[in-house]
């Protein structure tokens, strides 16, 4: 529990979502370049 509370205190949730957003952008640009 301590580690989870520590991570959430430093915005782990928003960090994880930001990372997923970056992955989505990278995957999208790769797919576009493959289709081009």
N, C-alpha and C. Protein backbone atom coordinates (compact mmCIF):
# COMPACT_ATOMS: atom_id res chain seq x y z
N UNK A 1 0.83 -1.21 0.00
CA UNK A 1 0.00 0.00 0.00
C UNK A 1 0.87 1.26 0.00
N UNK A 2 1.98 1.23 0.73
CA UNK A 2 2.84 2.40 0.82
C UNK A 2 3.34 2.84 -0.55
N UNK A 3 3.75 1.86 -1.36
CA UNK A 3 4.30 2.20 -2.68
C UNK A 3 3.23 2.81 -3.57
N UNK A 4 2.01 2.26 -3.51
CA UNK A 4 0.92 2.76 -4.35
C UNK A 4 0.56 4.19 -3.92
N UNK A 5 0.49 4.42 -2.62
CA UNK A 5 0.19 5.76 -2.13
C UNK A 5 1.29 6.73 -2.54
N UNK A 6 2.52 6.27 -2.49
CA UNK A 6 3.67 7.11 -2.88
C UNK A 6 3.57 7.47 -4.35
N UNK A 7 3.26 6.50 -5.20
CA UNK A 7 3.16 6.74 -6.64
C UNK A 7 1.99 7.66 -6.95
N UNK A 8 0.85 7.43 -6.33
CA UNK A 8 -0.32 8.26 -6.61
C UNK A 8 -0.08 9.69 -6.13
N UNK A 9 0.71 9.84 -5.08
CA UNK A 9 1.03 11.18 -4.57
C UNK A 9 1.79 11.98 -5.63
N UNK A 10 2.58 11.30 -6.43
CA UNK A 10 3.36 11.99 -7.46
C UNK A 10 2.70 11.92 -8.83
N UNK A 11 1.40 11.66 -8.86
CA UNK A 11 0.65 11.74 -10.11
C UNK A 11 0.89 10.56 -11.04
N UNK A 12 0.98 9.34 -10.48
CA UNK A 12 1.21 8.17 -11.32
C UNK A 12 0.11 8.02 -12.36
N UNK A 13 -1.14 8.30 -11.96
CA UNK A 13 -2.27 8.11 -12.87
C UNK A 13 -2.12 8.99 -14.10
N UNK A 14 -1.83 10.26 -13.90
CA UNK A 14 -1.69 11.17 -15.04
C UNK A 14 -0.45 10.83 -15.85
N UNK A 15 0.61 10.34 -15.19
CA UNK A 15 1.83 9.97 -15.92
C UNK A 15 1.55 8.78 -16.82
N UNK A 16 0.83 7.77 -16.31
CA UNK A 16 0.52 6.59 -17.10
C UNK A 16 -0.34 6.96 -18.30
N UNK A 17 -1.32 7.84 -18.09
CA UNK A 17 -2.18 8.25 -19.20
C UNK A 17 -1.38 9.02 -20.24
N UNK A 18 -0.47 9.86 -19.80
CA UNK A 18 0.37 10.61 -20.73
C UNK A 18 1.22 9.68 -21.56
N UNK A 19 1.75 8.62 -20.91
CA UNK A 19 2.57 7.66 -21.64
C UNK A 19 1.74 6.93 -22.68
N UNK A 20 0.51 6.54 -22.33
CA UNK A 20 -0.35 5.86 -23.29
C UNK A 20 -0.69 6.77 -24.45
N UNK A 21 -0.90 8.06 -24.17
CA UNK A 21 -1.18 9.01 -25.25
C UNK A 21 0.00 9.08 -26.22
N UNK A 22 1.22 9.07 -25.68
CA UNK A 22 2.41 9.12 -26.54
C UNK A 22 2.48 7.86 -27.39
N UNK A 23 2.23 6.69 -26.79
CA UNK A 23 2.23 5.44 -27.55
C UNK A 23 1.22 5.50 -28.69
N UNK A 24 0.03 6.02 -28.39
CA UNK A 24 -1.01 6.13 -29.43
C UNK A 24 -0.52 6.99 -30.59
N UNK A 25 0.13 8.11 -30.28
CA UNK A 25 0.62 9.00 -31.33
C UNK A 25 1.70 8.32 -32.15
N UNK A 26 2.62 7.62 -31.48
CA UNK A 26 3.71 6.95 -32.19
C UNK A 26 3.17 5.85 -33.09
N UNK A 27 2.27 5.03 -32.56
CA UNK A 27 1.69 3.93 -33.35
C UNK A 27 0.92 4.50 -34.54
N UNK A 28 0.17 5.58 -34.31
CA UNK A 28 -0.60 6.19 -35.39
C UNK A 28 0.31 6.70 -36.50
N UNK A 29 1.42 7.34 -36.13
CA UNK A 29 2.32 7.87 -37.16
C UNK A 29 3.02 6.75 -37.90
N UNK A 30 3.32 5.65 -37.21
CA UNK A 30 3.95 4.50 -37.88
C UNK A 30 2.98 3.89 -38.89
N UNK A 31 1.72 3.74 -38.49
CA UNK A 31 0.73 3.16 -39.40
C UNK A 31 0.55 4.05 -40.63
N UNK A 32 0.54 5.36 -40.44
CA UNK A 32 0.39 6.28 -41.57
C UNK A 32 1.57 6.17 -42.51
N UNK A 33 2.78 6.07 -41.98
CA UNK A 33 3.97 5.99 -42.83
C UNK A 33 4.00 4.66 -43.57
N UNK A 34 3.45 3.61 -42.96
CA UNK A 34 3.42 2.31 -43.65
C UNK A 34 2.40 2.34 -44.78
N UNK A 35 1.29 3.06 -44.59
CA UNK A 35 0.25 3.13 -45.61
C UNK A 35 0.67 4.05 -46.76
N UNK A 36 1.51 5.02 -46.47
CA UNK A 36 1.89 6.01 -47.49
C UNK A 36 2.64 5.34 -48.64
